[in-house]
Amino acid sequence: MTASTTDLCDAHPEAQVCEPVFRIYGGRDEFSGPITTLKVFEDNSMVREAVEQPGEGRVLVVDGGGSLRCALFGGNLASAAAENGWAGVVVHGCVRDVDELAAQPVGVRALAVFPRRSERGVHSGQAGLPVLFAGVVFREGEWLCADRDGVIVLPQAPPAG
């Protein structure tokens, strides 16, 4: 990411700005890329499937319904995301294994940390649909930018420079 979220907001009044609900995890404070969406609830099976696929610099946006009862993303998935070229993951829910997350070159944002894993195969999920949380609508193919100042969504990639 070359421009800060503050500069991007100044240059792009159409930018959607996430409410300040996310904490920073992962080994990269700054990341950006086209959005891929998932909607799940207390079951990270689809998250695992997604990060095991080529990320190609994308950002996985996971609407976990804001659940604080289990983690949807942890160290093993962060390792897979890094190996497969994901720029970052934004979770409307919890993560775990914070030291392992910090060791991976992938950006991670989430609401909180919780040590319990999700229960696989319990709930179904959906991929590719617009998801709404933190005051923002996340759509596949739009551009997410995150840094220490916040998380924003633009309709398309900002011009280089």
N, C-alpha and C. Protein backbone atom coordinates (compact mmCIF):
# COMPACT_ATOMS: atom_id res chain seq x y z
N MET A 1 0.86 -1.18 0.00
CA MET A 1 0.00 0.00 0.00
C MET A 1 0.90 1.23 0.00
N THR A 2 0.68 2.14 -0.93
CA THR A 2 1.56 3.30 -1.03
C THR A 2 0.98 4.53 -0.33
N ALA A 3 -0.31 4.75 -0.40
CA ALA A 3 -0.92 5.92 0.24
C ALA A 3 -1.59 5.50 1.54
N SER A 4 -1.56 6.39 2.52
CA SER A 4 -2.20 6.09 3.80
C SER A 4 -3.72 6.20 3.67
N THR A 5 -4.42 5.57 4.60
CA THR A 5 -5.88 5.66 4.58
C THR A 5 -6.34 7.10 4.76
N THR A 6 -5.59 7.89 5.52
CA THR A 6 -5.98 9.29 5.71
C THR A 6 -5.87 10.06 4.39
N ASP A 7 -4.77 9.85 3.67
CA ASP A 7 -4.61 10.51 2.37
C ASP A 7 -5.65 10.02 1.37
N LEU A 8 -5.94 8.73 1.39
CA LEU A 8 -6.95 8.19 0.48
C LEU A 8 -8.34 8.76 0.79
N CYS A 9 -8.67 8.91 2.07
CA CYS A 9 -9.96 9.51 2.43
C CYS A 9 -10.04 10.95 1.95
N ASP A 10 -8.94 11.69 2.07
CA ASP A 10 -8.92 13.08 1.61
C ASP A 10 -9.12 13.16 0.10
N ALA A 11 -8.48 12.23 -0.62
CA ALA A 11 -8.54 12.26 -2.09
C ALA A 11 -9.79 11.60 -2.66
N HIS A 12 -10.45 10.77 -1.86
CA HIS A 12 -11.61 10.02 -2.35
C HIS A 12 -12.78 10.14 -1.38
N PRO A 13 -13.59 11.19 -1.54
CA PRO A 13 -14.71 11.38 -0.62
C PRO A 13 -15.74 10.25 -0.67
N GLU A 14 -15.70 9.44 -1.72
CA GLU A 14 -16.61 8.30 -1.83
C GLU A 14 -16.17 7.10 -0.99
N ALA A 15 -15.00 7.18 -0.38
CA ALA A 15 -14.49 6.07 0.42
C ALA A 15 -15.44 5.77 1.58
N GLN A 16 -15.68 4.48 1.79
CA GLN A 16 -16.41 4.05 2.98
C GLN A 16 -15.38 3.83 4.09
N VAL A 17 -15.66 4.32 5.28
CA VAL A 17 -14.72 4.22 6.38
C VAL A 17 -15.33 3.35 7.48
N CYS A 18 -14.62 2.30 7.85
CA CYS A 18 -15.11 1.41 8.90
C CYS A 18 -15.12 2.12 10.25
N GLU A 19 -16.16 1.83 11.02
CA GLU A 19 -16.20 2.29 12.40
C GLU A 19 -14.96 1.73 13.11
N PRO A 20 -14.45 2.43 14.10
CA PRO A 20 -13.20 2.00 14.75
C PRO A 20 -13.42 0.85 15.74
N VAL A 21 -13.76 -0.31 15.21
CA VAL A 21 -14.05 -1.47 16.06
C VAL A 21 -12.98 -2.56 15.97
N PHE A 22 -12.06 -2.45 15.03
CA PHE A 22 -11.09 -3.51 14.80
C PHE A 22 -9.79 -3.29 15.54
N ARG A 23 -9.22 -4.39 15.99
CA ARG A 23 -7.87 -4.39 16.56
C ARG A 23 -6.92 -4.95 15.51
N ILE A 24 -5.68 -4.55 15.61
CA ILE A 24 -4.66 -4.95 14.63
C ILE A 24 -3.94 -6.21 15.11
N TYR A 25 -3.92 -7.22 14.25
CA TYR A 25 -3.19 -8.46 14.48
C TYR A 25 -2.41 -8.75 13.21
N GLY A 26 -1.67 -9.80 13.17
CA GLY A 26 -0.94 -10.15 11.96
C GLY A 26 0.39 -9.45 11.87
N GLY A 27 1.20 -9.89 10.94
CA GLY A 27 2.54 -9.37 10.80
C GLY A 27 2.66 -8.13 9.93
N ARG A 28 1.56 -7.70 9.33
CA ARG A 28 1.58 -6.49 8.51
C ARG A 28 0.55 -5.50 9.04
N ASP A 29 0.99 -4.31 9.36
CA ASP A 29 0.07 -3.26 9.81
C ASP A 29 -0.69 -2.65 8.64
N GLU A 30 -0.06 -2.65 7.47
CA GLU A 30 -0.65 -2.05 6.27
C GLU A 30 -0.89 -3.13 5.23
N PHE A 31 -2.07 -3.11 4.63
CA PHE A 31 -2.35 -4.03 3.54
C PHE A 31 -3.50 -3.48 2.72
N SER A 32 -3.59 -3.93 1.49
CA SER A 32 -4.69 -3.52 0.62
C SER A 32 -4.84 -4.54 -0.50
N GLY A 33 -6.03 -4.54 -1.09
CA GLY A 33 -6.27 -5.42 -2.21
C GLY A 33 -7.74 -5.56 -2.49
N PRO A 34 -8.07 -6.25 -3.58
CA PRO A 34 -9.47 -6.47 -3.91
C PRO A 34 -10.12 -7.40 -2.89
N ILE A 35 -11.38 -7.16 -2.63
CA ILE A 35 -12.13 -7.87 -1.59
C ILE A 35 -12.72 -9.18 -2.10
N THR A 36 -12.65 -10.20 -1.26
CA THR A 36 -13.38 -11.45 -1.41
C THR A 36 -14.18 -11.62 -0.12
N THR A 37 -15.47 -11.94 -0.21
CA THR A 37 -16.31 -11.98 0.99
C THR A 37 -16.79 -13.39 1.34
N LEU A 38 -16.96 -13.57 2.65
CA LEU A 38 -17.57 -14.77 3.22
C LEU A 38 -18.53 -14.33 4.32
N LYS A 39 -19.62 -15.06 4.45
CA LYS A 39 -20.54 -14.85 5.57
C LYS A 39 -20.67 -16.20 6.26
N VAL A 40 -20.20 -16.28 7.51
CA VAL A 40 -20.19 -17.52 8.28
C VAL A 40 -20.66 -17.22 9.70
N PHE A 41 -20.95 -18.28 10.46
CA PHE A 41 -21.29 -18.08 11.86
C PHE A 41 -20.74 -19.23 12.70
N GLU A 42 -19.72 -18.91 13.48
CA GLU A 42 -19.10 -19.82 14.44
C GLU A 42 -18.63 -21.13 13.82
N ASP A 43 -18.30 -21.09 12.54
CA ASP A 43 -17.78 -22.25 11.80
C ASP A 43 -16.80 -21.69 10.76
N ASN A 44 -15.53 -22.02 10.91
CA ASN A 44 -14.53 -21.43 10.00
C ASN A 44 -14.15 -22.34 8.83
N SER A 45 -14.97 -23.34 8.53
CA SER A 45 -14.66 -24.25 7.43
C SER A 45 -14.44 -23.51 6.11
N MET A 46 -15.32 -22.55 5.81
CA MET A 46 -15.18 -21.80 4.55
C MET A 46 -13.98 -20.86 4.58
N VAL A 47 -13.62 -20.37 5.76
CA VAL A 47 -12.43 -19.52 5.88
C VAL A 47 -11.20 -20.35 5.53
N ARG A 48 -11.12 -21.56 6.08
CA ARG A 48 -10.01 -22.45 5.77
C ARG A 48 -9.95 -22.72 4.26
N GLU A 49 -11.08 -23.06 3.67
CA GLU A 49 -11.13 -23.34 2.23
C GLU A 49 -10.64 -22.14 1.42
N ALA A 50 -11.03 -20.95 1.84
CA ALA A 50 -10.64 -19.74 1.10
C ALA A 50 -9.14 -19.50 1.15
N VAL A 51 -8.54 -19.53 2.35
CA VAL A 51 -7.11 -19.20 2.46
C VAL A 51 -6.21 -20.29 1.91
N GLU A 52 -6.77 -21.48 1.67
CA GLU A 52 -5.98 -22.54 1.04
C GLU A 52 -5.94 -22.39 -0.48
N GLN A 53 -6.71 -21.44 -1.01
CA GLN A 53 -6.72 -21.14 -2.45
C GLN A 53 -5.77 -19.97 -2.72
N PRO A 54 -5.31 -19.80 -3.96
CA PRO A 54 -4.45 -18.65 -4.27
C PRO A 54 -5.14 -17.32 -3.94
N GLY A 55 -4.47 -16.50 -3.15
CA GLY A 55 -5.03 -15.21 -2.74
C GLY A 55 -4.80 -14.11 -3.76
N GLU A 56 -3.69 -14.17 -4.47
CA GLU A 56 -3.37 -13.20 -5.51
C GLU A 56 -3.49 -11.76 -5.03
N GLY A 57 -3.06 -11.51 -3.79
CA GLY A 57 -3.06 -10.15 -3.25
C GLY A 57 -4.41 -9.66 -2.77
N ARG A 58 -5.40 -10.56 -2.69
CA ARG A 58 -6.74 -10.15 -2.25
C ARG A 58 -6.82 -10.05 -0.72
N VAL A 59 -7.92 -9.44 -0.28
CA VAL A 59 -8.23 -9.34 1.15
C VAL A 59 -9.51 -10.13 1.39
N LEU A 60 -9.44 -11.08 2.31
CA LEU A 60 -10.60 -11.88 2.67
C LEU A 60 -11.37 -11.16 3.76
N VAL A 61 -12.63 -10.82 3.48
CA VAL A 61 -13.49 -10.15 4.45
C VAL A 61 -14.50 -11.19 4.95
N VAL A 62 -14.44 -11.47 6.25
CA VAL A 62 -15.25 -12.52 6.85
C VAL A 62 -16.27 -11.89 7.79
N ASP A 63 -17.54 -11.99 7.42
CA ASP A 63 -18.60 -11.54 8.31
C ASP A 63 -18.98 -12.72 9.19
N GLY A 64 -18.47 -12.70 10.41
CA GLY A 64 -18.75 -13.74 11.39
C GLY A 64 -19.90 -13.38 12.30
N GLY A 65 -20.71 -12.41 11.89
CA GLY A 65 -21.86 -12.01 12.69
C GLY A 65 -21.49 -11.31 13.98
N GLY A 66 -20.23 -10.93 14.13
CA GLY A 66 -19.80 -10.25 15.34
C GLY A 66 -19.72 -11.16 16.55
N SER A 67 -19.77 -12.48 16.34
CA SER A 67 -19.74 -13.42 17.46
C SER A 67 -18.42 -13.32 18.23
N LEU A 68 -18.53 -13.30 19.53
CA LEU A 68 -17.36 -13.28 20.41
C LEU A 68 -17.23 -14.60 21.16
N ARG A 69 -17.85 -15.67 20.65
CA ARG A 69 -17.87 -16.96 21.35
C ARG A 69 -16.85 -17.97 20.83
N CYS A 70 -16.20 -17.67 19.71
CA CYS A 70 -15.17 -18.56 19.19
C CYS A 70 -14.33 -17.78 18.18
N ALA A 71 -13.16 -18.33 17.88
CA ALA A 71 -12.27 -17.69 16.90
C ALA A 71 -12.52 -18.28 15.52
N LEU A 72 -12.55 -17.41 14.53
CA LEU A 72 -12.73 -17.84 13.14
C LEU A 72 -11.41 -17.89 12.37
N PHE A 73 -10.34 -17.36 12.96
CA PHE A 73 -9.06 -17.28 12.26
C PHE A 73 -7.95 -17.38 13.29
N GLY A 74 -6.93 -18.21 12.99
CA GLY A 74 -5.82 -18.39 13.92
C GLY A 74 -4.51 -18.60 13.18
N GLY A 75 -3.53 -19.09 13.92
CA GLY A 75 -2.18 -19.22 13.40
C GLY A 75 -2.04 -20.11 12.19
N ASN A 76 -2.69 -21.28 12.19
CA ASN A 76 -2.59 -22.18 11.04
C ASN A 76 -3.18 -21.55 9.78
N LEU A 77 -4.31 -20.87 9.94
CA LEU A 77 -4.94 -20.23 8.78
C LEU A 77 -4.12 -19.02 8.32
N ALA A 78 -3.50 -18.31 9.25
CA ALA A 78 -2.64 -17.18 8.86
C ALA A 78 -1.45 -17.68 8.07
N SER A 79 -0.90 -18.80 8.47
CA SER A 79 0.22 -19.39 7.73
C SER A 79 -0.22 -19.77 6.32
N ALA A 80 -1.39 -20.38 6.19
CA ALA A 80 -1.91 -20.74 4.87
C ALA A 80 -2.16 -19.49 4.03
N ALA A 81 -2.73 -18.46 4.65
CA ALA A 81 -3.01 -17.21 3.93
C ALA A 81 -1.72 -16.59 3.41
N ALA A 82 -0.69 -16.56 4.23
CA ALA A 82 0.59 -15.99 3.82
C ALA A 82 1.20 -16.81 2.68
N GLU A 83 1.20 -18.14 2.83
CA GLU A 83 1.78 -19.02 1.80
C GLU A 83 1.06 -18.89 0.47
N ASN A 84 -0.24 -18.60 0.52
CA ASN A 84 -1.03 -18.56 -0.70
C ASN A 84 -1.26 -17.16 -1.26
N GLY A 85 -0.56 -16.17 -0.70
CA GLY A 85 -0.57 -14.85 -1.30
C GLY A 85 -1.74 -13.95 -0.96
N TRP A 86 -2.39 -14.15 0.19
CA TRP A 86 -3.44 -13.24 0.63
C TRP A 86 -2.79 -12.01 1.25
N ALA A 87 -3.29 -10.83 0.95
CA ALA A 87 -2.75 -9.59 1.53
C ALA A 87 -3.20 -9.43 2.97
N GLY A 88 -4.45 -9.81 3.24
CA GLY A 88 -4.97 -9.63 4.59
C GLY A 88 -6.31 -10.30 4.78
N VAL A 89 -6.75 -10.28 6.04
CA VAL A 89 -8.03 -10.85 6.43
C VAL A 89 -8.67 -9.89 7.43
N VAL A 90 -9.94 -9.57 7.20
CA VAL A 90 -10.71 -8.74 8.14
C VAL A 90 -11.85 -9.62 8.66
N VAL A 91 -11.92 -9.78 9.98
CA VAL A 91 -12.89 -10.68 10.59
C VAL A 91 -13.84 -9.91 11.49
N HIS A 92 -15.12 -9.98 11.17
CA HIS A 92 -16.16 -9.44 12.06
C HIS A 92 -16.47 -10.54 13.06
N GLY A 93 -15.54 -10.72 13.97
CA GLY A 93 -15.57 -11.78 14.96
C GLY A 93 -14.20 -11.85 15.62
N CYS A 94 -13.85 -13.03 16.12
CA CYS A 94 -12.61 -13.19 16.89
C CYS A 94 -11.54 -13.96 16.14
N VAL A 95 -10.31 -13.77 16.61
CA VAL A 95 -9.15 -14.53 16.17
C VAL A 95 -8.49 -15.13 17.41
N ARG A 96 -7.51 -15.98 17.18
CA ARG A 96 -6.72 -16.55 18.28
C ARG A 96 -5.29 -16.76 17.81
N ASP A 97 -4.43 -17.23 18.68
CA ASP A 97 -3.01 -17.46 18.35
C ASP A 97 -2.31 -16.17 17.95
N VAL A 98 -2.46 -15.13 18.76
CA VAL A 98 -1.97 -13.81 18.35
C VAL A 98 -0.47 -13.78 18.08
N ASP A 99 0.32 -14.54 18.81
CA ASP A 99 1.76 -14.55 18.52
C ASP A 99 2.05 -15.18 17.17
N GLU A 100 1.29 -16.22 16.83
CA GLU A 100 1.45 -16.85 15.52
C GLU A 100 0.96 -15.93 14.41
N LEU A 101 -0.11 -15.20 14.65
CA LEU A 101 -0.60 -14.23 13.66
C LEU A 101 0.47 -13.18 13.39
N ALA A 102 1.09 -12.68 14.46
CA ALA A 102 2.10 -11.63 14.33
C ALA A 102 3.33 -12.10 13.56
N ALA A 103 3.57 -13.41 13.54
CA ALA A 103 4.75 -13.95 12.87
C ALA A 103 4.55 -14.12 11.37
N GLN A 104 3.33 -13.94 10.88
CA GLN A 104 3.04 -14.16 9.46
C GLN A 104 2.94 -12.83 8.71
N PRO A 105 3.45 -12.78 7.46
CA PRO A 105 3.41 -11.55 6.68
C PRO A 105 2.05 -11.33 6.02
N VAL A 106 1.02 -11.29 6.84
CA VAL A 106 -0.34 -11.04 6.36
C VAL A 106 -1.00 -10.10 7.36
N GLY A 107 -1.81 -9.17 6.85
CA GLY A 107 -2.53 -8.25 7.73
C GLY A 107 -3.78 -8.92 8.28
N VAL A 108 -4.09 -8.65 9.54
CA VAL A 108 -5.28 -9.22 10.16
C VAL A 108 -5.94 -8.15 11.01
N ARG A 109 -7.24 -8.00 10.83
CA ARG A 109 -8.07 -7.13 11.68
C ARG A 109 -9.21 -7.98 12.21
N ALA A 110 -9.57 -7.78 13.47
CA ALA A 110 -10.68 -8.51 14.07
C ALA A 110 -11.20 -7.71 15.25
N LEU A 111 -12.36 -8.13 15.74
CA LEU A 111 -12.97 -7.45 16.88
C LEU A 111 -12.24 -7.74 18.18
N ALA A 112 -11.81 -9.00 18.37
CA ALA A 112 -11.21 -9.39 19.65
C ALA A 112 -10.47 -10.71 19.49
N VAL A 113 -9.89 -11.15 20.61
CA VAL A 113 -9.21 -12.43 20.69
C VAL A 113 -10.03 -13.34 21.60
N PHE A 114 -10.14 -14.60 21.19
CA PHE A 114 -10.84 -15.59 22.02
C PHE A 114 -10.17 -16.94 21.78
N PRO A 115 -9.80 -17.69 22.82
CA PRO A 115 -9.00 -18.89 22.63
C PRO A 115 -9.75 -20.10 22.07
N ARG A 116 -11.06 -20.13 22.15
CA ARG A 116 -11.82 -21.30 21.68
C ARG A 116 -11.93 -21.30 20.16
N ARG A 117 -11.69 -22.47 19.55
CA ARG A 117 -11.84 -22.59 18.10
C ARG A 117 -13.31 -22.72 17.74
N SER A 118 -13.59 -22.53 16.46
CA SER A 118 -14.96 -22.68 15.98
C SER A 118 -15.29 -24.17 15.85
N GLU A 119 -16.56 -24.46 15.71
CA GLU A 119 -17.00 -25.83 15.49
C GLU A 119 -17.23 -26.02 14.00
N ARG A 120 -16.42 -26.86 13.39
CA ARG A 120 -16.52 -27.07 11.96
C ARG A 120 -17.71 -27.95 11.60
N GLY A 121 -18.36 -27.59 10.51
CA GLY A 121 -19.46 -28.39 10.01
C GLY A 121 -20.79 -28.17 10.70
N VAL A 122 -20.85 -27.20 11.61
CA VAL A 122 -22.08 -26.96 12.36
C VAL A 122 -23.01 -26.01 11.62
N HIS A 123 -22.43 -24.98 11.02
CA HIS A 123 -23.23 -23.96 10.35
C HIS A 123 -22.83 -23.86 8.88
N SER A 124 -23.74 -23.45 8.06
CA SER A 124 -23.42 -23.21 6.65
C SER A 124 -22.96 -21.76 6.50
N GLY A 125 -22.44 -21.45 5.35
CA GLY A 125 -22.01 -20.09 5.06
C GLY A 125 -22.26 -19.75 3.61
N GLN A 126 -21.93 -18.51 3.26
CA GLN A 126 -22.11 -18.04 1.89
C GLN A 126 -20.86 -17.28 1.46
N ALA A 127 -20.54 -17.40 0.19
CA ALA A 127 -19.38 -16.71 -0.37
C ALA A 127 -19.83 -15.78 -1.48
N GLY A 128 -19.12 -14.66 -1.61
CA GLY A 128 -19.32 -13.78 -2.74
C GLY A 128 -20.43 -12.77 -2.63
N LEU A 129 -21.16 -12.77 -1.54
CA LEU A 129 -22.25 -11.81 -1.37
C LEU A 129 -21.76 -10.54 -0.69
N PRO A 130 -22.40 -9.39 -0.93
CA PRO A 130 -22.07 -8.21 -0.14
C PRO A 130 -22.36 -8.48 1.33
N VAL A 131 -21.47 -8.03 2.21
CA VAL A 131 -21.68 -8.16 3.65
C VAL A 131 -21.60 -6.77 4.28
N LEU A 132 -22.34 -6.59 5.36
CA LEU A 132 -22.43 -5.29 6.02
C LEU A 132 -22.06 -5.42 7.48
N PHE A 133 -21.02 -4.69 7.89
CA PHE A 133 -20.66 -4.56 9.30
C PHE A 133 -19.73 -3.37 9.44
N ALA A 134 -19.56 -2.90 10.65
CA ALA A 134 -18.71 -1.74 10.95
C ALA A 134 -19.10 -0.51 10.12
N GLY A 135 -20.39 -0.43 9.75
CA GLY A 135 -20.88 0.73 9.02
C GLY A 135 -20.52 0.76 7.54
N VAL A 136 -20.03 -0.37 7.00
CA VAL A 136 -19.56 -0.42 5.62
C VAL A 136 -20.18 -1.63 4.92
N VAL A 137 -20.48 -1.46 3.64
CA VAL A 137 -20.87 -2.58 2.79
C VAL A 137 -19.62 -3.02 2.04
N PHE A 138 -19.23 -4.28 2.24
CA PHE A 138 -18.07 -4.87 1.57
C PHE A 138 -18.57 -5.68 0.38
N ARG A 139 -18.10 -5.33 -0.82
CA ARG A 139 -18.52 -6.02 -2.04
C ARG A 139 -17.32 -6.66 -2.72
N GLU A 140 -17.54 -7.83 -3.27
CA GLU A 140 -16.48 -8.51 -4.01
C GLU A 140 -15.93 -7.58 -5.08
N GLY A 141 -14.60 -7.53 -5.18
CA GLY A 141 -13.95 -6.75 -6.22
C GLY A 141 -13.67 -5.31 -5.85
N GLU A 142 -14.37 -4.76 -4.84
CA GLU A 142 -14.00 -3.42 -4.40
C GLU A 142 -12.66 -3.50 -3.68
N TRP A 143 -12.10 -2.36 -3.34
CA TRP A 143 -10.73 -2.30 -2.86
C TRP A 143 -10.69 -1.92 -1.38
N LEU A 144 -10.06 -2.76 -0.56
CA LEU A 144 -9.91 -2.49 0.87
C LEU A 144 -8.50 -2.04 1.14
N CYS A 145 -8.37 -1.00 1.95
CA CYS A 145 -7.07 -0.49 2.40
C CYS A 145 -7.10 -0.42 3.92
N ALA A 146 -6.06 -0.91 4.56
CA ALA A 146 -5.97 -0.88 6.02
C ALA A 146 -4.58 -0.44 6.43
N ASP A 147 -4.52 0.38 7.46
CA ASP A 147 -3.26 0.75 8.09
C ASP A 147 -3.56 1.06 9.55
N ARG A 148 -2.60 1.63 10.25
CA ARG A 148 -2.79 1.88 11.69
C ARG A 148 -3.86 2.94 11.95
N ASP A 149 -4.25 3.72 10.93
CA ASP A 149 -5.29 4.73 11.09
C ASP A 149 -6.69 4.19 10.87
N GLY A 150 -6.83 3.04 10.23
CA GLY A 150 -8.16 2.50 10.03
C GLY A 150 -8.28 1.62 8.81
N VAL A 151 -9.54 1.28 8.51
CA VAL A 151 -9.87 0.42 7.38
C VAL A 151 -10.88 1.16 6.51
N ILE A 152 -10.58 1.24 5.21
CA ILE A 152 -11.49 1.91 4.28
C ILE A 152 -11.75 1.01 3.07
N VAL A 153 -12.85 1.31 2.38
CA VAL A 153 -13.20 0.59 1.16
C VAL A 153 -13.45 1.60 0.06
N LEU A 154 -12.81 1.38 -1.08
CA LEU A 154 -12.98 2.21 -2.26
C LEU A 154 -13.63 1.38 -3.36
N PRO A 155 -14.37 2.03 -4.26
CA PRO A 155 -15.02 1.28 -5.34
C PRO A 155 -14.03 0.52 -6.23
N GLN A 156 -12.80 1.03 -6.34
CA GLN A 156 -11.77 0.40 -7.16
C GLN A 156 -10.41 0.76 -6.60
N ALA A 157 -9.39 0.13 -7.12
CA ALA A 157 -8.03 0.41 -6.66
C ALA A 157 -7.69 1.87 -6.87
N PRO A 158 -7.06 2.52 -5.90
CA PRO A 158 -6.65 3.91 -6.10
C PRO A 158 -5.53 3.98 -7.13
N PRO A 159 -5.44 5.10 -7.84
CA PRO A 159 -4.36 5.24 -8.81
C PRO A 159 -3.00 5.18 -8.12
N ALA A 160 -2.03 4.57 -8.77
CA ALA A 160 -0.68 4.49 -8.19
C ALA A 160 -0.10 5.89 -8.08
N GLY A 161 0.68 6.06 -7.00
CA GLY A 161 1.35 7.35 -6.82
C GLY A 161 0.48 8.28 -6.14
